[in-house]
Every structure is written in C-alpha cells, then in structure tokens.
PDB file of N, CA and C in Angstrom:
ATOM      1  N   MET A   1     -18.074  43.348  10.163  1.00  0.00           N
ATOM      2  CA  MET A   1     -18.816  43.956   9.381  1.00  0.00           C
ATOM      3  C   MET A   1     -18.726  44.925   8.186  1.00  0.00           C
ATOM      4  N   THR A   2     -18.572  43.520   6.950  1.00  0.00           N
ATOM      5  CA  THR A   2     -18.964  43.393   6.185  1.00  0.00           C
ATOM      6  C   THR A   2     -20.352  42.949   5.386  1.00  0.00           C
ATOM      7  N   GLN A   3     -20.962  42.049   6.904  1.00  0.00           N
ATOM      8  CA  GLN A   3     -22.452  42.713   6.836  1.00  0.00           C
ATOM      9  C   GLN A   3     -23.364  43.288   7.198  1.00  0.00           C
ATOM     10  N   TYR A   4     -22.523  44.001   7.990  1.00  0.00           N
ATOM     11  CA  TYR A   4     -22.886  45.233   8.291  1.00  0.00           C
ATOM     12  C   TYR A   4     -23.107  46.823   7.765  1.00  0.00           C
ATOM     13  N   ILE A   5     -22.652  46.401   6.385  1.00  0.00           N
ATOM     14  CA  ILE A   5     -21.998  47.793   5.474  1.00  0.00           C
ATOM     15  C   ILE A   5     -23.470  46.979   4.392  1.00  0.00           C
ATOM     16  N   LEU A   6     -23.394  45.369   4.405  1.00  0.00           N
ATOM     17  CA  LEU A   6     -24.302  45.205   3.507  1.00  0.00           C
ATOM     18  C   LEU A   6     -25.983  45.371   4.029  1.00  0.00           C
ATOM     19  N   ALA A   7     -25.937  44.927   5.489  1.00  0.00           N
ATOM     20  CA  ALA A   7     -27.635  45.513   5.758  1.00  0.00           C
ATOM     21  C   ALA A   7     -28.044  46.736   5.521  1.00  0.00           C
ATOM     22  N   VAL A   8     -27.088  47.726   6.001  1.00  0.00           N
ATOM     23  CA  VAL A   8     -27.185  49.138   5.633  1.00  0.00           C
ATOM     24  C   VAL A   8     -27.416  49.343   4.152  1.00  0.00           C
ATOM     25  N   VAL A   9     -26.202  49.076   3.033  1.00  0.00           N
ATOM     26  CA  VAL A   9     -27.168  48.847   1.985  1.00  0.00           C
ATOM     27  C   VAL A   9     -28.658  48.612   1.699  1.00  0.00           C
ATOM     28  N   VAL A  10     -28.859  47.403   2.061  1.00  0.00           N
ATOM     29  CA  VAL A  10     -29.721  46.652   1.567  1.00  0.00           C
ATOM     30  C   VAL A  10     -31.200  47.842   2.129  1.00  0.00           C
ATOM     31  N   MET A  11     -31.252  48.647   3.528  1.00  0.00           N
ATOM     32  CA  MET A  11     -31.650  49.112   3.774  1.00  0.00           C
ATOM     33  C   MET A  11     -31.863  50.105   3.324  1.00  0.00           C
ATOM     34  N   THR A  12     -31.833  50.674   3.028  1.00  0.00           N
ATOM     35  CA  THR A  12     -31.085  52.413   2.667  1.00  0.00           C
ATOM     36  C   THR A  12     -32.099  52.104   1.614  1.00  0.00           C
ATOM     37  N   TRP A  13     -31.522  50.977   0.050  1.00  0.00           N
ATOM     38  CA  TRP A  13     -31.594  50.661  -1.410  1.00  0.00           C
ATOM     39  C   TRP A  13     -33.769  50.213  -1.007  1.00  0.00           C
ATOM     40  N   ALA A  14     -34.265  49.865  -0.032  1.00  0.00           N
ATOM     41  CA  ALA A  14     -35.429  49.049   0.348  1.00  0.00           C
ATOM     42  C   ALA A  14     -35.769  50.617   0.667  1.00  0.00           C
ATOM     43  N   ILE A  15     -35.484  51.095   1.963  1.00  0.00           N
ATOM     44  CA  ILE A  15     -36.169  52.689   1.829  1.00  0.00           C
ATOM     45  C   ILE A  15     -36.264  53.587   1.121  1.00  0.00           C
ATOM     46  N   THR A  16     -35.883  53.558   0.417  1.00  0.00           N
ATOM     47  CA  THR A  16     -35.825  54.640  -0.947  1.00  0.00           C
ATOM     48  C   THR A  16     -36.412  54.215  -1.825  1.00  0.00           C
ATOM     49  N   PHE A  17     -36.002  53.051  -2.231  1.00  0.00           N
ATOM     50  CA  PHE A  17     -37.863  52.410  -3.282  1.00  0.00           C
ATOM     51  C   PHE A  17     -39.193  52.731  -2.687  1.00  0.00           C
ATOM     52  N   VAL A  18     -39.141  52.435  -0.875  1.00  0.00           N
ATOM     53  CA  VAL A  18     -40.187  52.618  -0.809  1.00  0.00           C
ATOM     54  C   VAL A  18     -40.906  53.852  -1.060  1.00  0.00           C
ATOM     55  N   LEU A  19     -39.722  55.056  -0.492  1.00  0.00           N
ATOM     56  CA  LEU A  19     -40.697  56.570  -0.670  1.00  0.00           C
ATOM     57  C   LEU A  19     -40.633  56.956  -2.132  1.00  0.00           C
ATOM     58  N   ARG A  20     -39.675  56.509  -2.790  1.00  0.00           N
ATOM     59  CA  ARG A  20     -39.704  56.552  -3.534  1.00  0.00           C
ATOM     60  C   ARG A  20     -40.879  56.173  -4.792  1.00  0.00           C
ATOM     61  N   ALA A  21     -41.849  55.203  -4.618  1.00  0.00           N
ATOM     62  CA  ALA A  21     -43.115  54.211  -5.123  1.00  0.00           C
ATOM     63  C   ALA A  21     -44.467  54.907  -4.067  1.00  0.00           C
ATOM     64  N   MET A  22     -43.828  55.579  -3.404  1.00  0.00           N
ATOM     65  CA  MET A  22     -44.987  55.368  -2.364  1.00  0.00           C
ATOM     66  C   MET A  22     -46.315  56.866  -3.156  1.00  0.00           C
ATOM     67  N   PRO A  23     -46.077  57.826  -3.555  1.00  0.00           N
ATOM     68  CA  PRO A  23     -46.104  58.764  -4.494  1.00  0.00           C
ATOM     69  C   PRO A  23     -47.267  58.256  -5.654  1.00  0.00           C
ATOM     70  N   PHE A  24     -46.566  57.176  -6.547  1.00  0.00           N
ATOM     71  CA  PHE A  24     -47.428  56.597  -7.524  1.00  0.00           C
ATOM     72  C   PHE A  24     -48.533  55.604  -7.082  1.00  0.00           C
ATOM     73  N   LEU A  25     -47.695  55.107  -6.145  1.00  0.00           N
ATOM     74  CA  LEU A  25     -49.081  54.313  -5.549  1.00  0.00           C
ATOM     75  C   LEU A  25     -50.594  54.712  -5.376  1.00  0.00           C
ATOM     76  N   PHE A  26     -49.856  56.359  -4.345  1.00  0.00           N
ATOM     77  CA  PHE A  26     -51.046  57.018  -3.916  1.00  0.00           C
ATOM     78  C   PHE A  26     -51.621  58.147  -4.908  1.00  0.00           C
ATOM     79  N   LEU A  27     -50.714  58.073  -6.104  1.00  0.00           N
ATOM     80  CA  LEU A  27     -51.291  58.605  -6.818  1.00  0.00           C
ATOM     81  C   LEU A  27     -52.863  58.253  -7.995  1.00  0.00           C
ATOM     82  N   THR A  28     -52.970  56.847  -7.890  1.00  0.00           N
ATOM     83  CA  THR A  28     -53.052  55.757  -8.930  1.00  0.00           C
ATOM     84  C   THR A  28     -54.922  55.462  -7.581  1.00  0.00           C
ATOM     85  N   LYS A  29     -55.143  55.988  -6.728  1.00  0.00           N
ATOM     86  CA  LYS A  29     -55.919  55.670  -6.027  1.00  0.00           C
ATOM     87  C   LYS A  29     -56.954  57.581  -5.308  1.00  0.00           C
ATOM     88  N   VAL A  30     -55.851  58.137  -5.340  1.00  0.00           N
ATOM     89  CA  VAL A  30     -56.623  59.522  -5.673  1.00  0.00           C
ATOM     90  C   VAL A  30     -56.603  60.867  -6.853  1.00  0.00           C
ATOM     91  N   ARG A  31     -56.149  59.703  -8.100  1.00  0.00           N
ATOM     92  CA  ARG A  31     -55.939  60.908  -9.169  1.00  0.00           C
ATOM     93  C   ARG A  31     -57.469  61.638 -10.261  1.00  0.00           C
ATOM     94  N   ASP A  32     -58.750  60.796  -9.713  1.00  0.00           N
ATOM     95  CA  ASP A  32     -59.963  61.618  -9.956  1.00  0.00           C
ATOM     96  C   ASP A  32     -60.358  62.647  -8.951  1.00  0.00           C
ATOM     97  N   SER A  33     -60.086  62.537  -7.961  1.00  0.00           N
ATOM     98  CA  SER A  33     -60.162  63.262  -6.802  1.00  0.00           C
ATOM     99  C   SER A  33     -60.530  64.724  -6.852  1.00  0.00           C
ATOM    100  N   ALA A  34     -61.956  65.462  -5.946  1.00  0.00           N
ATOM    101  CA  ALA A  34     -62.268  67.058  -6.031  1.00  0.00           C
ATOM    102  C   ALA A  34     -60.802  67.194  -6.024  1.00  0.00           C
ATOM    103  N   ALA A  35     -60.265  67.122  -4.854  1.00  0.00           N
ATOM    104  CA  ALA A  35     -59.017  67.742  -4.102  1.00  0.00           C
ATOM    105  C   ALA A  35     -57.957  67.751  -4.856  1.00  0.00           C
ATOM    106  N   LEU A  36     -56.984  67.250  -5.386  1.00  0.00           N
ATOM    107  CA  LEU A  36     -56.371  67.028  -5.919  1.00  0.00           C
ATOM    108  C   LEU A  36     -56.167  68.186  -7.984  1.00  0.00           C
ATOM    109  N   LYS A  37     -57.801  67.966  -8.223  1.00  0.00           N
ATOM    110  CA  LYS A  37     -58.121  68.817  -9.085  1.00  0.00           C
ATOM    111  C   LYS A  37     -58.014  70.484  -8.785  1.00  0.00           C
ATOM    112  N   TYR A  38     -58.140  70.598  -6.931  1.00  0.00           N
ATOM    113  CA  TYR A  38     -58.415  71.840  -6.982  1.00  0.00           C
ATOM    114  C   TYR A  38     -56.956  72.068  -6.238  1.00  0.00           C
ATOM    115  N   LEU A  39     -56.353  71.740  -6.400  1.00  0.00           N
ATOM    116  CA  LEU A  39     -54.365  71.554  -6.111  1.00  0.00           C
ATOM    117  C   LEU A  39     -54.165  72.084  -7.224  1.00  0.00           C
ATOM    118  N   GLY A  40     -54.255  71.560  -8.312  1.00  0.00           N
ATOM    119  CA  GLY A  40     -53.844  71.325  -9.611  1.00  0.00           C
ATOM    120  C   GLY A  40     -54.140  72.950 -10.168  1.00  0.00           C
ATOM    121  N   LYS A  41     -55.307  73.554  -9.750  1.00  0.00           N
ATOM    122  CA  LYS A  41     -56.055  74.573 -10.262  1.00  0.00           C
ATOM    123  C   LYS A  41     -55.310  75.877  -9.442  1.00  0.00           C
ATOM    124  N   VAL A  42     -55.340  75.613  -8.190  1.00  0.00           N
ATOM    125  CA  VAL A  42     -54.574  76.855  -7.561  1.00  0.00           C
ATOM    126  C   VAL A  42     -52.996  76.597  -7.550  1.00  0.00           C
ATOM    127  N   MET A  43     -52.720  75.839  -7.343  1.00  0.00           N
ATOM    128  CA  MET A  43     -50.767  75.174  -7.022  1.00  0.00           C
ATOM    129  C   MET A  43     -49.771  76.728  -7.681  1.00  0.00           C
ATOM    130  N   PRO A  44     -49.725  76.318  -9.131  1.00  0.00           N
ATOM    131  CA  PRO A  44     -49.054  77.436  -9.496  1.00  0.00           C
ATOM    132  C   PRO A  44     -49.211  79.221  -8.792  1.00  0.00           C
ATOM    133  N   ALA A  45     -50.256  79.452  -9.033  1.00  0.00           N
ATOM    134  CA  ALA A  45     -50.311  80.870  -8.562  1.00  0.00           C
ATOM    135  C   ALA A  45     -49.924  80.513  -6.575  1.00  0.00           C
ATOM    136  N   GLY A  46     -49.848  79.743  -6.107  1.00  0.00           N
ATOM    137  CA  GLY A  46     -49.424  79.490  -4.354  1.00  0.00           C
ATOM    138  C   GLY A  46     -48.125  79.267  -4.794  1.00  0.00           C
ATOM    139  N   VAL A  47     -47.189  78.542  -5.599  1.00  0.00           N
ATOM    140  CA  VAL A  47     -45.836  78.703  -5.789  1.00  0.00           C
ATOM    141  C   VAL A  47     -45.037  80.329  -5.774  1.00  0.00           C
ATOM    142  N   MET A  48     -46.667  81.126  -7.308  1.00  0.00           N
ATOM    143  CA  MET A  48     -46.196  82.277  -7.244  1.00  0.00           C
ATOM    144  C   MET A  48     -45.814  83.148  -6.223  1.00  0.00           C
ATOM    145  N   LEU A  49     -47.322  83.353  -5.551  1.00  0.00           N
ATOM    146  CA  LEU A  49     -46.956  83.587  -3.977  1.00  0.00           C
ATOM    147  C   LEU A  49     -45.808  83.779  -3.329  1.00  0.00           C
ATOM    148  N   ILE A  50     -45.364  82.517  -3.073  1.00  0.00           N
ATOM    149  CA  ILE A  50     -44.724  81.874  -1.934  1.00  0.00           C
ATOM    150  C   ILE A  50     -43.223  82.370  -2.942  1.00  0.00           C
ATOM    151  N   LEU A  51     -43.029  82.464  -3.924  1.00  0.00           N
ATOM    152  CA  LEU A  51     -41.624  83.009  -4.928  1.00  0.00           C
ATOM    153  C   LEU A  51     -41.365  84.339  -4.785  1.00  0.00           C
ATOM    154  N   VAL A  52     -42.630  85.231  -4.725  1.00  0.00           N
ATOM    155  CA  VAL A  52     -42.777  87.032  -4.591  1.00  0.00           C
ATOM    156  C   VAL A  52     -42.842  87.127  -3.030  1.00  0.00           C
ATOM    157  N   VAL A  53     -42.895  86.101  -2.062  1.00  0.00           N
ATOM    158  CA  VAL A  53     -42.609  87.305  -0.453  1.00  0.00           C
ATOM    159  C   VAL A  53     -40.873  86.039  -0.146  1.00  0.00           C
ATOM    160  N   PHE A  54     -40.887  85.457  -0.960  1.00  0.00           N
ATOM    161  CA  PHE A  54     -39.608  85.240  -0.760  1.00  0.00           C
ATOM    162  C   PHE A  54     -38.423  86.258  -1.770  1.00  0.00           C
ATOM    163  N   THR A  55     -39.074  86.696  -1.922  1.00  0.00           N
ATOM    164  CA  THR A  55     -38.217  87.759  -3.052  1.00  0.00           C
ATOM    165  C   THR A  55     -38.004  88.670  -2.473  1.00  0.00           C
ATOM    166  N   LEU A  56     -39.218  89.540  -2.227  1.00  0.00           N
ATOM    167  CA  LEU A  56     -39.351  90.849  -1.076  1.00  0.00           C
ATOM    168  C   LEU A  56     -39.275  90.735   0.763  1.00  0.00           C
ATOM    169  N   ARG A  57     -39.537  89.762   1.218  1.00  0.00           N
ATOM    170  CA  ARG A  57     -38.716  89.382   2.030  1.00  0.00           C
ATOM    171  C   ARG A  57     -36.988  90.086   2.658  1.00  0.00           C
ATOM    172  N   GLY A  58     -37.558  91.108   3.268  1.00  0.00           N
ATOM    173  CA  GLY A  58     -36.292  91.855   4.006  1.00  0.00           C
ATOM    174  C   GLY A  58     -35.577  93.043   2.797  1.00  0.00           C
ATOM    175  N   LEU A  59     -36.590  93.378   2.193  1.00  0.00           N
ATOM    176  CA  LEU A  59     -36.509  94.073   1.049  1.00  0.00           C
ATOM    177  C   LEU A  59     -36.019  95.877   1.926  1.00  0.00           C
ATOM    178  N   ASP A  60     -34.676  96.387   1.707  1.00  0.00           N
ATOM    179  CA  ASP A  60     -35.097  97.220   1.969  1.00  0.00           C
ATOM    180  C   ASP A  60     -35.374  98.615   1.324  1.00  0.00           C
ATOM    181  N   LEU A  61     -36.394  99.280   1.416  1.00  0.00           N
ATOM    182  CA  LEU A  61     -36.908 100.754   0.501  1.00  0.00           C
ATOM    183  C   LEU A  61     -36.720 101.808   0.901  1.00  0.00           C
ATOM    184  N   THR A  62     -35.490 101.992   0.678  1.00  0.00           N
ATOM    185  CA  THR A  62     -34.728 102.848   1.521  1.00  0.00           C
ATOM    186  C   THR A  62     -33.775 104.221  -0.009  1.00  0.00           C
ATOM    187  N   THR A  63     -33.279 102.671  -0.479  1.00  0.00           N
ATOM    188  CA  THR A  63     -32.414 103.584  -1.994  1.00  0.00           C
ATOM    189  C   THR A  63     -33.139 101.979  -2.730  1.00  0.00           C
ATOM    190  N   PRO A  64     -33.491 102.782  -4.200  1.00  0.00           N
ATOM    191  CA  PRO A  64     -34.162 102.258  -5.297  1.00  0.00           C
ATOM    192  C   PRO A  64     -33.004 101.523  -5.987  1.00  0.00           C
ATOM    193  N   GLU A  65     -31.372 100.804  -5.497  1.00  0.00           N
ATOM    194  CA  GLU A  65     -30.852  99.899  -6.122  1.00  0.00           C
ATOM    195  C   GLU A  65     -31.725  98.700  -5.208  1.00  0.00           C
ATOM    196  N   SER A  66     -32.000  99.032  -4.191  1.00  0.00           N
ATOM    197  CA  SER A  66     -32.472  97.872  -3.254  1.00  0.00           C
ATOM    198  C   SER A  66     -33.785  97.310  -3.532  1.00  0.00           C
ATOM    199  N   TRP A  67     -34.557  97.802  -3.786  1.00  0.00           N
ATOM    200  CA  TRP A  67     -36.422  97.742  -3.946  1.00  0.00           C
ATOM    201  C   TRP A  67     -36.035  97.421  -5.814  1.00  0.00           C
ATOM    202  N   LEU A  68     -35.671  98.110  -6.849  1.00  0.00           N
ATOM    203  CA  LEU A  68     -36.018  98.443  -8.065  1.00  0.00           C
ATOM    204  C   LEU A  68     -35.725  96.777  -9.095  1.00  0.00           C
ATOM    205  N   PRO A  69     -34.468  96.053  -8.370  1.00  0.00           N
ATOM    206  CA  PRO A  69     -34.625  95.006  -8.762  1.00  0.00           C
ATOM    207  C   PRO A  69     -35.795  93.995  -8.931  1.00  0.00           C
ATOM    208  N   ALA A  70     -35.981  93.824  -7.738  1.00  0.00           N
ATOM    209  CA  ALA A  70     -37.545  93.365  -7.110  1.00  0.00           C
ATOM    210  C   ALA A  70     -38.877  93.432  -7.272  1.00  0.00           C
ATOM    211  N   ALA A  71     -38.822  94.584  -7.149  1.00  0.00           N
ATOM    212  CA  ALA A  71     -39.884  95.185  -8.277  1.00  0.00           C
ATOM    213  C   ALA A  71     -40.319  94.821  -9.696  1.00  0.00           C
ATOM    214  N   ALA A  72     -38.569  95.163 -10.797  1.00  0.00           N
ATOM    215  CA  ALA A  72     -38.446  94.822 -11.938  1.00  0.00           C
ATOM    216  C   ALA A  72     -39.084  93.265 -12.080  1.00  0.00           C
ATOM    217  N   GLY A  73     -38.370  92.871 -11.110  1.00  0.00           N
ATOM    218  CA  GLY A  73     -38.974  90.988 -11.627  1.00  0.00           C
ATOM    219  C   GLY A  73     -40.791  90.976 -11.496  1.00  0.00           C
ATOM    220  N   VAL A  74     -40.862  91.280  -9.915  1.00  0.00           N
ATOM    221  CA  VAL A  74     -42.458  91.121  -9.798  1.00  0.00           C
ATOM    222  C   VAL A  74     -43.384  91.945 -10.819  1.00  0.00           C
ATOM    223  N   ILE A  75     -42.859  93.021 -11.716  1.00  0.00           N
ATOM    224  CA  ILE A  75     -44.261  93.181 -12.676  1.00  0.00           C
ATOM    225  C   ILE A  75     -44.134  92.659 -13.890  1.00  0.00           C
ATOM    226  N   THR A  76     -42.411  91.537 -14.128  1.00  0.00           N
ATOM    227  CA  THR A  76     -41.860  91.307 -15.117  1.00  0.00           C
ATOM    228  C   THR A  76     -43.598  90.297 -14.926  1.00  0.00           C
ATOM    229  N   THR A  77     -42.986  89.404 -14.311  1.00  0.00           N
ATOM    230  CA  THR A  77     -43.870  88.206 -13.840  1.00  0.00           C
ATOM    231  C   THR A  77     -45.378  88.301 -13.611  1.00  0.00           C
ATOM    232  N   VAL A  78     -45.580  89.539 -13.055  1.00  0.00           N
ATOM    233  CA  VAL A  78     -47.391  89.752 -13.848  1.00  0.00           C
ATOM    234  C   VAL A  78     -47.924  89.825 -14.658  1.00  0.00           C
ATOM    235  N   VAL A  79     -47.171  89.896 -15.927  1.00  0.00           N
ATOM    236  CA  VAL A  79     -47.354  91.089 -16.868  1.00  0.00           C
ATOM    237  C   VAL A  79     -46.911  89.491 -17.572  1.00  0.00           C
ATOM    238  N   LEU A  80     -46.077  89.117 -17.466  1.00  0.00           N
ATOM    239  CA  LEU A  80     -45.895  87.702 -18.681  1.00  0.00           C
ATOM    240  C   LEU A  80     -47.129  86.359 -18.036  1.00  0.00           C
ATOM    241  N   HIS A  81     -46.960  86.637 -16.683  1.00  0.00           N
ATOM    242  CA  HIS A  81     -48.701  85.705 -16.431  1.00  0.00           C
ATOM    243  C   HIS A  81     -50.145  86.221 -16.961  1.00  0.00           C
ATOM    244  N   LEU A  82     -50.403  87.690 -17.195  1.00  0.00           N
ATOM    245  CA  LEU A  82     -51.539  87.583 -17.784  1.00  0.00           C
ATOM    246  C   LEU A  82     -51.331  87.908 -18.958  1.00  0.00           C
ATOM    247  N   LEU A  83     -49.972  88.112 -19.287  1.00  0.00           N
ATOM    248  CA  LEU A  83     -50.757  87.939 -21.504  1.00  0.00           C
ATOM    249  C   LEU A  83     -50.104  86.731 -21.596  1.00  0.00           C
ATOM    250  N   LEU A  84     -49.430  85.685 -21.229  1.00  0.00           N
ATOM    251  CA  LEU A  84     -49.311  84.172 -21.724  1.00  0.00           C
ATOM    252  C   LEU A  84     -49.905  83.205 -20.709  1.00  0.00           C
ATOM    253  N   ARG A  85     -50.020  83.533 -19.712  1.00  0.00           N
ATOM    254  CA  ARG A  85     -50.704  82.276 -18.934  1.00  0.00           C
ATOM    255  C   ARG A  85     -49.881  80.977 -18.761  1.00  0.00           C
ATOM    256  N   LYS A  86     -48.841  81.550 -18.966  1.00  0.00           N
ATOM    257  CA  LYS A  86     -47.776  79.866 -18.973  1.00  0.00           C
ATOM    258  C   LYS A  86     -46.808  80.281 -17.466  1.00  0.00           C
ATOM    259  N   VAL A  87     -47.294  79.618 -16.539  1.00  0.00           N
ATOM    260  CA  VAL A  87     -46.545  79.710 -15.063  1.00  0.00           C
ATOM    261  C   VAL A  87     -44.983  79.510 -15.358  1.00  0.00           C
ATOM    262  N   LEU A  88     -44.723  78.972 -15.639  1.00  0.00           N
ATOM    263  CA  LEU A  88     -42.981  77.887 -15.931  1.00  0.00           C
ATOM    264  C   LEU A  88     -42.148  79.271 -17.183  1.00  0.00           C
ATOM    265  N   LEU A  89     -43.053  80.105 -17.683  1.00  0.00           N
ATOM    266  CA  LEU A  89     -42.232  81.341 -18.913  1.00  0.00           C
ATOM    267  C   LEU A  89     -42.590  82.581 -17.845  1.00  0.00           C
ATOM    268  N   SER A  90     -43.122  82.529 -16.465  1.00  0.00           N
ATOM    269  CA  SER A  90     -43.483  83.828 -16.554  1.00  0.00           C
ATOM    270  C   SER A  90     -42.252  84.098 -15.380  1.00  0.00           C
ATOM    271  N   ILE A  91     -42.264  82.899 -14.460  1.00  0.00           N
ATOM    272  CA  ILE A  91     -41.427  82.779 -13.247  1.00  0.00           C
ATOM    273  C   ILE A  91     -39.883  82.822 -13.838  1.00  0.00           C
ATOM    274  N   LEU A  92     -39.915  81.843 -15.187  1.00  0.00           N
ATOM    275  CA  LEU A  92     -38.416  82.537 -15.541  1.00  0.00           C
ATOM    276  C   LEU A  92     -38.143  83.797 -15.995  1.00  0.00           C
ATOM    277  N   GLY A  93     -39.317  84.346 -16.665  1.00  0.00           N
ATOM    278  CA  GLY A  93     -38.517  86.012 -17.621  1.00  0.00           C
ATOM    279  C   GLY A  93     -39.046  86.771 -16.119  1.00  0.00           C
ATOM    280  N   GLY A  94     -39.256  86.228 -15.051  1.00  0.00           N
ATOM    281  CA  GLY A  94     -39.187  87.051 -13.845  1.00  0.00           C
ATOM    282  C   GLY A  94     -38.447  87.318 -13.240  1.00  0.00           C
ATOM    283  N   ALA A  95     -37.835  86.125 -13.099  1.00  0.00           N
ATOM    284  CA  ALA A  95     -36.465  86.092 -12.775  1.00  0.00           C
ATOM    285  C   ALA A  95     -35.262  86.852 -13.434  1.00  0.00           C
ATOM    286  N   GLY A  96     -35.301  86.376 -14.800  1.00  0.00           N
ATOM    287  CA  GLY A  96     -34.555  86.696 -15.142  1.00  0.00           C
ATOM    288  C   GLY A  96     -34.229  88.228 -15.134  1.00  0.00           C
ATOM    289  N   VAL A  97     -35.068  89.091 -15.853  1.00  0.00           N
ATOM    290  CA  VAL A  97     -35.402  90.440 -15.701  1.00  0.00           C
ATOM    291  C   VAL A  97     -34.531  90.297 -14.305  1.00  0.00           C
ATOM    292  N   PHE A  98     -35.212  90.154 -12.567  1.00  0.00           N
ATOM    293  CA  PHE A  98     -34.840  90.743 -11.713  1.00  0.00           C
ATOM    294  C   PHE A  98     -33.037  90.152 -11.282  1.00  0.00           C
ATOM    295  N   ALA A  99     -32.604  89.315 -12.303  1.00  0.00           N
ATOM    296  CA  ALA A  99     -30.705  89.332 -12.285  1.00  0.00           C
ATOM    297  C   ALA A  99     -30.539  89.691 -12.650  1.00  0.00           C
ATOM    298  N   LEU A 100     -30.767  90.253 -14.157  1.00  0.00           N
ATOM    299  CA  LEU A 100     -30.537  91.353 -15.154  1.00  0.00           C
ATOM    300  C   LEU A 100     -30.559  93.310 -14.508  1.00  0.00           C
ATOM    301  N   VAL A 101     -31.448  93.450 -14.089  1.00  0.00           N
ATOM    302  CA  VAL A 101     -31.508  94.484 -12.633  1.00  0.00           C
ATOM    303  C   VAL A 101     -30.623  94.060 -11.701  1.00  0.00           C
ATOM    304  N   LEU A 102     -30.638  93.104 -11.213  1.00  0.00           N
ATOM    305  CA  LEU A 102     -29.692  93.164 -10.445  1.00  0.00           C
ATOM    306  C   LEU A 102     -28.466  93.588 -10.457  1.00  0.00           C
ATOM    307  N   SER A 103     -28.155  93.306 -11.916  1.00  0.00           N
ATOM    308  CA  SER A 103     -26.442  93.270 -12.195  1.00  0.00           C
ATOM    309  C   SER A 103     -26.078  94.658 -12.413  1.00  0.00           C
ATOM    310  N   PHE A 104     -27.325  95.401 -13.091  1.00  0.00           N
ATOM    311  CA  PHE A 104     -26.627  96.918 -13.375  1.00  0.00           C
ATOM    312  C   PHE A 104     -26.645  98.001 -11.946  1.00  0.00           C
ATOM    313  N   CYS A 105     -27.486  97.283 -11.291  1.00  0.00           N
ATOM    314  CA  CYS A 105     -27.425  98.434  -9.858  1.00  0.00           C
ATOM    315  C   CYS A 105     -26.301  98.578  -8.459  1.00  0.00           C
TER     316      CYS A 105
END
C-alpha cells in the first residue's frame, strides 16, 4: 500500500511539474511571434467584453433596481478605460461601482 501511495504522489508531482513548465517552454519558441503580439493587443478588450456579457447575461429590464447596477458598472468601466487606458483599473473601478450601486438598490 505504501508503494502505491508513493507512486501516486510521484506521478502527481511529475504531471504537475510538466504542466507548469510547458507554458515557459512554449513561450521561448513563440516570444517574437506575430500571433502572440496580436493576442497581447486584443486580449484586454476581449476580457472586458467577456466580463460585460457575463454581467449583462440574464438581466431583467423591468425595474431599475435590476438594471441600474449593471449599467453603472459598465458605464464606469468604459469611461475609466477611455480616460486612463488602464485595463485593470477600469475593470476594478467598474466592478466596485457595480457592487456599490447593487448594495444601495
């Protein structure tokens, strides 16, 4: 039984190590790739789009209490992004305003 547990632990360690090392090995081969540069340019907008769709999914438009927090969060995110061009700050600011308005509605 001890050998079985030891074998499982070693296999788990090896698989985890390989899976964590693969992105670094892959990145050294594609670091100067045009596709990677393109993804670096468009991914922030893609992440923000996914967050907007996730926020607005299933939104009930019948009462202001249901759509006002989402609208405030989306508008804040867009305004912050257009003014500051800092993706993380825009996302955090929009999420903060969303939570703040949600707590008052």
